[in-house]
Amino acid sequence: MLREAAELRIDGQGRVELPLGLLAEAGLAPGAGLVASSDGDGRIVLRRAEDAMRDLVERGRL
């Protein structure tokens, strides 16, 4: 389900701040480990590090 979008800016060092409400909706907390990947076409996907690692192990890629 899509929630209200948050408009963000990339700073001069390539950083983006995510609003706490957005993190809470995703079940994430400040300090959580994430894995980022490009999905092409202007999209970046963020996943919990433990979820991404588990998927790699299940697929036999790690």
PDB file of N, CA and C in Angstrom:
ATOM      1  N   MET A   1       0.845  -1.178   0.000  1.00  0.00           N
ATOM      2  CA  MET A   1       0.000   0.000   0.000  1.00  0.00           C
ATOM      3  C   MET A   1       0.891   1.243   0.000  1.00  0.00           C
ATOM      4  N   LEU A   2       0.628   2.169  -0.869  1.00  0.00           N
ATOM      5  CA  LEU A   2       1.393   3.399  -0.927  1.00  0.00           C
ATOM      6  C   LEU A   2       0.855   4.410   0.067  1.00  0.00           C
ATOM      7  N   ARG A   3       1.761   5.012   0.781  1.00  0.00           N
ATOM      8  CA  ARG A   3       1.398   6.074   1.724  1.00  0.00           C
ATOM      9  C   ARG A   3       1.709   7.415   1.058  1.00  0.00           C
ATOM     10  N   GLU A   4       1.508   8.475   1.784  1.00  0.00           N
ATOM     11  CA  GLU A   4       1.828   9.791   1.260  1.00  0.00           C
ATOM     12  C   GLU A   4       3.326   9.886   0.980  1.00  0.00           C
ATOM     13  N   ALA A   5       3.679  10.356  -0.201  1.00  0.00           N
ATOM     14  CA  ALA A   5       5.082  10.460  -0.594  1.00  0.00           C
ATOM     15  C   ALA A   5       5.759  11.619   0.129  1.00  0.00           C
ATOM     16  N   ALA A   6       7.052  11.472   0.331  1.00  0.00           N
ATOM     17  CA  ALA A   6       7.858  12.537   0.917  1.00  0.00           C
ATOM     18  C   ALA A   6       8.848  13.001  -0.137  1.00  0.00           C
ATOM     19  N   GLU A   7       8.899  14.298  -0.391  1.00  0.00           N
ATOM     20  CA  GLU A   7       9.861  14.828  -1.353  1.00  0.00           C
ATOM     21  C   GLU A   7      11.184  15.039  -0.634  1.00  0.00           C
ATOM     22  N   LEU A   8      12.250  14.489  -1.207  1.00  0.00           N
ATOM     23  CA  LEU A   8      13.572  14.538  -0.591  1.00  0.00           C
ATOM     24  C   LEU A   8      14.564  15.183  -1.545  1.00  0.00           C
ATOM     25  N   ARG A   9      15.693  15.607  -1.014  1.00  0.00           N
ATOM     26  CA  ARG A   9      16.770  16.183  -1.819  1.00  0.00           C
ATOM     27  C   ARG A   9      18.074  15.439  -1.511  1.00  0.00           C
ATOM     28  N   ILE A  10      18.899  15.293  -2.522  1.00  0.00           N
ATOM     29  CA  ILE A  10      20.225  14.724  -2.360  1.00  0.00           C
ATOM     30  C   ILE A  10      21.166  15.887  -2.089  1.00  0.00           C
ATOM     31  N   ASP A  11      21.942  15.813  -0.983  1.00  0.00           N
ATOM     32  CA  ASP A  11      22.842  16.919  -0.667  1.00  0.00           C
ATOM     33  C   ASP A  11      24.128  16.814  -1.488  1.00  0.00           C
ATOM     34  N   GLY A  12      25.011  17.760  -1.317  1.00  0.00           N
ATOM     35  CA  GLY A  12      26.238  17.835  -2.091  1.00  0.00           C
ATOM     36  C   GLY A  12      27.181  16.659  -1.897  1.00  0.00           C
ATOM     37  N   GLN A  13      26.965  15.891  -0.818  1.00  0.00           N
ATOM     38  CA  GLN A  13      27.789  14.720  -0.559  1.00  0.00           C
ATOM     39  C   GLN A  13      27.057  13.425  -0.895  1.00  0.00           C
ATOM     40  N   GLY A  14      25.916  13.549  -1.573  1.00  0.00           N
ATOM     41  CA  GLY A  14      25.167  12.372  -2.006  1.00  0.00           C
ATOM     42  C   GLY A  14      24.291  11.757  -0.935  1.00  0.00           C
ATOM     43  N   ARG A  15      24.053  12.465   0.144  1.00  0.00           N
ATOM     44  CA  ARG A  15      23.241  11.935   1.240  1.00  0.00           C
ATOM     45  C   ARG A  15      21.789  12.374   1.129  1.00  0.00           C
ATOM     46  N   VAL A  16      20.913  11.513   1.649  1.00  0.00           N
ATOM     47  CA  VAL A  16      19.478  11.796   1.692  1.00  0.00           C
ATOM     48  C   VAL A  16      19.003  11.483   3.105  1.00  0.00           C
ATOM     49  N   GLU A  17      18.225  12.382   3.688  1.00  0.00           N
ATOM     50  CA  GLU A  17      17.613  12.121   4.991  1.00  0.00           C
ATOM     51  C   GLU A  17      16.211  11.588   4.773  1.00  0.00           C
ATOM     52  N   LEU A  18      15.898  10.478   5.444  1.00  0.00           N
ATOM     53  CA  LEU A  18      14.563   9.889   5.351  1.00  0.00           C
ATOM     54  C   LEU A  18      13.755  10.308   6.574  1.00  0.00           C
ATOM     55  N   PRO A  19      12.539  10.787   6.376  1.00  0.00           N
ATOM     56  CA  PRO A  19      11.707  11.190   7.506  1.00  0.00           C
ATOM     57  C   PRO A  19      11.413  10.010   8.439  1.00  0.00           C
ATOM     58  N   LEU A  20      11.377  10.287   9.738  1.00  0.00           N
ATOM     59  CA  LEU A  20      11.116   9.232  10.717  1.00  0.00           C
ATOM     60  C   LEU A  20       9.790   8.532  10.461  1.00  0.00           C
ATOM     61  N   GLY A  21       8.775   9.266  10.009  1.00  0.00           N
ATOM     62  CA  GLY A  21       7.480   8.649   9.717  1.00  0.00           C
ATOM     63  C   GLY A  21       7.586   7.609   8.610  1.00  0.00           C
ATOM     64  N   LEU A  22       8.394   7.906   7.597  1.00  0.00           N
ATOM     65  CA  LEU A  22       8.601   6.970   6.495  1.00  0.00           C
ATOM     66  C   LEU A  22       9.321   5.713   6.990  1.00  0.00           C
ATOM     67  N   LEU A  23      10.332   5.911   7.826  1.00  0.00           N
ATOM     68  CA  LEU A  23      11.043   4.765   8.409  1.00  0.00           C
ATOM     69  C   LEU A  23      10.099   3.912   9.250  1.00  0.00           C
ATOM     70  N   ALA A  24       9.273   4.565  10.059  1.00  0.00           N
ATOM     71  CA  ALA A  24       8.340   3.835  10.920  1.00  0.00           C
ATOM     72  C   ALA A  24       7.350   3.026  10.088  1.00  0.00           C
ATOM     73  N   GLU A  25       6.839   3.600   8.996  1.00  0.00           N
ATOM     74  CA  GLU A  25       5.903   2.883   8.135  1.00  0.00           C
ATOM     75  C   GLU A  25       6.548   1.643   7.523  1.00  0.00           C
ATOM     76  N   ALA A  26       7.862   1.722   7.267  1.00  0.00           N
ATOM     77  CA  ALA A  26       8.587   0.596   6.678  1.00  0.00           C
ATOM     78  C   ALA A  26       9.082  -0.390   7.736  1.00  0.00           C
ATOM     79  N   GLY A  27       8.824  -0.078   9.003  1.00  0.00           N
ATOM     80  CA  GLY A  27       9.280  -0.958  10.073  1.00  0.00           C
ATOM     81  C   GLY A  27      10.769  -0.842  10.342  1.00  0.00           C
ATOM     82  N   LEU A  28      11.341   0.331  10.059  1.00  0.00           N
ATOM     83  CA  LEU A  28      12.765   0.572  10.266  1.00  0.00           C
ATOM     84  C   LEU A  28      12.974   1.617  11.350  1.00  0.00           C
ATOM     85  N   ALA A  29      14.135   1.571  11.968  1.00  0.00           N
ATOM     86  CA  ALA A  29      14.474   2.533  13.003  1.00  0.00           C
ATOM     87  C   ALA A  29      15.826   3.155  12.659  1.00  0.00           C
ATOM     88  N   PRO A  30      16.088   4.366  13.159  1.00  0.00           N
ATOM     89  CA  PRO A  30      17.406   4.960  12.937  1.00  0.00           C
ATOM     90  C   PRO A  30      18.501   3.989  13.377  1.00  0.00           C
ATOM     91  N   GLY A  31      19.528   3.864  12.574  1.00  0.00           N
ATOM     92  CA  GLY A  31      20.623   2.949  12.870  1.00  0.00           C
ATOM     93  C   GLY A  31      20.464   1.573  12.251  1.00  0.00           C
ATOM     94  N   ALA A  32      19.312   1.298  11.619  1.00  0.00           N
ATOM     95  CA  ALA A  32      19.081  -0.007  10.994  1.00  0.00           C
ATOM     96  C   ALA A  32      20.050  -0.197   9.832  1.00  0.00           C
ATOM     97  N   GLY A  33      20.514  -1.418   9.636  1.00  0.00           N
ATOM     98  CA  GLY A  33      21.377  -1.742   8.513  1.00  0.00           C
ATOM     99  C   GLY A  33      20.556  -1.941   7.257  1.00  0.00           C
ATOM    100  N   LEU A  34      20.956  -1.295   6.173  1.00  0.00           N
ATOM    101  CA  LEU A  34      20.239  -1.387   4.903  1.00  0.00           C
ATOM    102  C   LEU A  34      21.189  -1.774   3.784  1.00  0.00           C
ATOM    103  N   VAL A  35      20.634  -2.356   2.742  1.00  0.00           N
ATOM    104  CA  VAL A  35      21.361  -2.624   1.501  1.00  0.00           C
ATOM    105  C   VAL A  35      20.644  -1.836   0.420  1.00  0.00           C
ATOM    106  N   ALA A  36      21.406  -1.059  -0.355  1.00  0.00           N
ATOM    107  CA  ALA A  36      20.830  -0.253  -1.433  1.00  0.00           C
ATOM    108  C   ALA A  36      21.241  -0.837  -2.776  1.00  0.00           C
ATOM    109  N   SER A  37      20.290  -0.841  -3.710  1.00  0.00           N
ATOM    110  CA  SER A  37      20.595  -1.272  -5.067  1.00  0.00           C
ATOM    111  C   SER A  37      19.813  -0.401  -6.040  1.00  0.00           C
ATOM    112  N   SER A  38      20.348  -0.267  -7.244  1.00  0.00           N
ATOM    113  CA  SER A  38      19.668   0.498  -8.277  1.00  0.00           C
ATOM    114  C   SER A  38      18.707  -0.417  -9.006  1.00  0.00           C
ATOM    115  N   ASP A  39      17.507   0.069  -9.208  1.00  0.00           N
ATOM    116  CA  ASP A  39      16.495  -0.669  -9.968  1.00  0.00           C
ATOM    117  C   ASP A  39      16.342  -0.032 -11.349  1.00  0.00           C
ATOM    118  N   GLY A  40      17.290   0.849 -11.707  1.00  0.00           N
ATOM    119  CA  GLY A  40      17.241   1.541 -12.983  1.00  0.00           C
ATOM    120  C   GLY A  40      16.119   2.559 -13.033  1.00  0.00           C
ATOM    121  N   ASP A  41      16.066   3.323 -14.101  1.00  0.00           N
ATOM    122  CA  ASP A  41      14.985   4.269 -14.343  1.00  0.00           C
ATOM    123  C   ASP A  41      14.723   5.188 -13.152  1.00  0.00           C
ATOM    124  N   GLY A  42      15.807   5.651 -12.481  1.00  0.00           N
ATOM    125  CA  GLY A  42      15.664   6.604 -11.390  1.00  0.00           C
ATOM    126  C   GLY A  42      15.192   6.017 -10.080  1.00  0.00           C
ATOM    127  N   ARG A  43      15.277   4.691  -9.932  1.00  0.00           N
ATOM    128  CA  ARG A  43      14.804   4.048  -8.706  1.00  0.00           C
ATOM    129  C   ARG A  43      15.957   3.456  -7.915  1.00  0.00           C
ATOM    130  N   ILE A  44      15.911   3.653  -6.615  1.00  0.00           N
ATOM    131  CA  ILE A  44      16.845   3.028  -5.693  1.00  0.00           C
ATOM    132  C   ILE A  44      16.019   2.236  -4.692  1.00  0.00           C
ATOM    133  N   VAL A  45      16.386   0.985  -4.484  1.00  0.00           N
ATOM    134  CA  VAL A  45      15.662   0.104  -3.572  1.00  0.00           C
ATOM    135  C   VAL A  45      16.488  -0.049  -2.297  1.00  0.00           C
ATOM    136  N   LEU A  46      15.849   0.157  -1.166  1.00  0.00           N
ATOM    137  CA  LEU A  46      16.475  -0.047   0.137  1.00  0.00           C
ATOM    138  C   LEU A  46      15.823  -1.254   0.790  1.00  0.00           C
ATOM    139  N   ARG A  47      16.657  -2.178   1.318  1.00  0.00           N
ATOM    140  CA  ARG A  47      16.130  -3.362   2.011  1.00  0.00           C
ATOM    141  C   ARG A  47      16.869  -3.540   3.325  1.00  0.00           C
ATOM    142  N   ARG A  48      16.201  -4.118   4.301  1.00  0.00           N
ATOM    143  CA  ARG A  48      16.882  -4.471   5.540  1.00  0.00           C
ATOM    144  C   ARG A  48      18.048  -5.377   5.194  1.00  0.00           C
ATOM    145  N   ALA A  49      19.200  -5.143   5.793  1.00  0.00           N
ATOM    146  CA  ALA A  49      20.391  -5.939   5.493  1.00  0.00           C
ATOM    147  C   ALA A  49      20.150  -7.413   5.777  1.00  0.00           C
ATOM    148  N   GLU A  50      19.487  -7.722   6.891  1.00  0.00           N
ATOM    149  CA  GLU A  50      19.268  -9.137   7.225  1.00  0.00           C
ATOM    150  C   GLU A  50      18.347  -9.830   6.227  1.00  0.00           C
ATOM    151  N   ASP A  51      17.364  -9.096   5.691  1.00  0.00           N
ATOM    152  CA  ASP A  51      16.473  -9.673   4.674  1.00  0.00           C
ATOM    153  C   ASP A  51      17.233  -9.942   3.380  1.00  0.00           C
ATOM    154  N   ALA A  52      18.058  -8.987   2.964  1.00  0.00           N
ATOM    155  CA  ALA A  52      18.833  -9.150   1.740  1.00  0.00           C
ATOM    156  C   ALA A  52      19.807 -10.310   1.870  1.00  0.00           C
ATOM    157  N   MET A  53      20.483 -10.436   3.022  1.00  0.00           N
ATOM    158  CA  MET A  53      21.437 -11.524   3.240  1.00  0.00           C
ATOM    159  C   MET A  53      20.718 -12.872   3.250  1.00  0.00           C
ATOM    160  N   ARG A  54      19.567 -12.940   3.893  1.00  0.00           N
ATOM    161  CA  ARG A  54      18.809 -14.186   3.943  1.00  0.00           C
ATOM    162  C   ARG A  54      18.398 -14.630   2.535  1.00  0.00           C
ATOM    163  N   ASP A  55      17.963 -13.684   1.712  1.00  0.00           N
ATOM    164  CA  ASP A  55      17.601 -14.010   0.337  1.00  0.00           C
ATOM    165  C   ASP A  55      18.787 -14.551  -0.443  1.00  0.00           C
ATOM    166  N   LEU A  56      19.963 -13.961  -0.251  1.00  0.00           N
ATOM    167  CA  LEU A  56      21.168 -14.440  -0.938  1.00  0.00           C
ATOM    168  C   LEU A  56      21.516 -15.854  -0.502  1.00  0.00           C
ATOM    169  N   VAL A  57      21.422 -16.126   0.794  1.00  0.00           N
ATOM    170  CA  VAL A  57      21.726 -17.464   1.308  1.00  0.00           C
ATOM    171  C   VAL A  57      20.726 -18.482   0.750  1.00  0.00           C
ATOM    172  N   GLU A  58      19.445 -18.135   0.744  1.00  0.00           N
ATOM    173  CA  GLU A  58      18.417 -19.045   0.244  1.00  0.00           C
ATOM    174  C   GLU A  58      18.591 -19.341  -1.250  1.00  0.00           C
ATOM    175  N   ARG A  59      19.124 -18.395  -1.979  1.00  0.00           N
ATOM    176  CA  ARG A  59      19.346 -18.588  -3.423  1.00  0.00           C
ATOM    177  C   ARG A  59      20.702 -19.228  -3.711  1.00  0.00           C
ATOM    178  N   GLY A  60      21.484 -19.490  -2.662  1.00  0.00           N
ATOM    179  CA  GLY A  60      22.786 -20.104  -2.835  1.00  0.00           C
ATOM    180  C   GLY A  60      23.834 -19.198  -3.420  1.00  0.00           C
ATOM    181  N   ARG A  61      23.672 -17.894  -3.225  1.00  0.00           N
ATOM    182  CA  ARG A  61      24.632 -16.927  -3.781  1.00  0.00           C
ATOM    183  C   ARG A  61      25.632 -16.448  -2.755  1.00  0.00           C
ATOM    184  N   LEU A  62      25.600 -16.991  -1.578  1.00  0.00           N
ATOM    185  CA  LEU A  62      26.530 -16.552  -0.541  1.00  0.00           C
ATOM    186  C   LEU A  62      27.116 -17.746   0.153  1.00  0.00           C
TER     187      LEU A  62
END
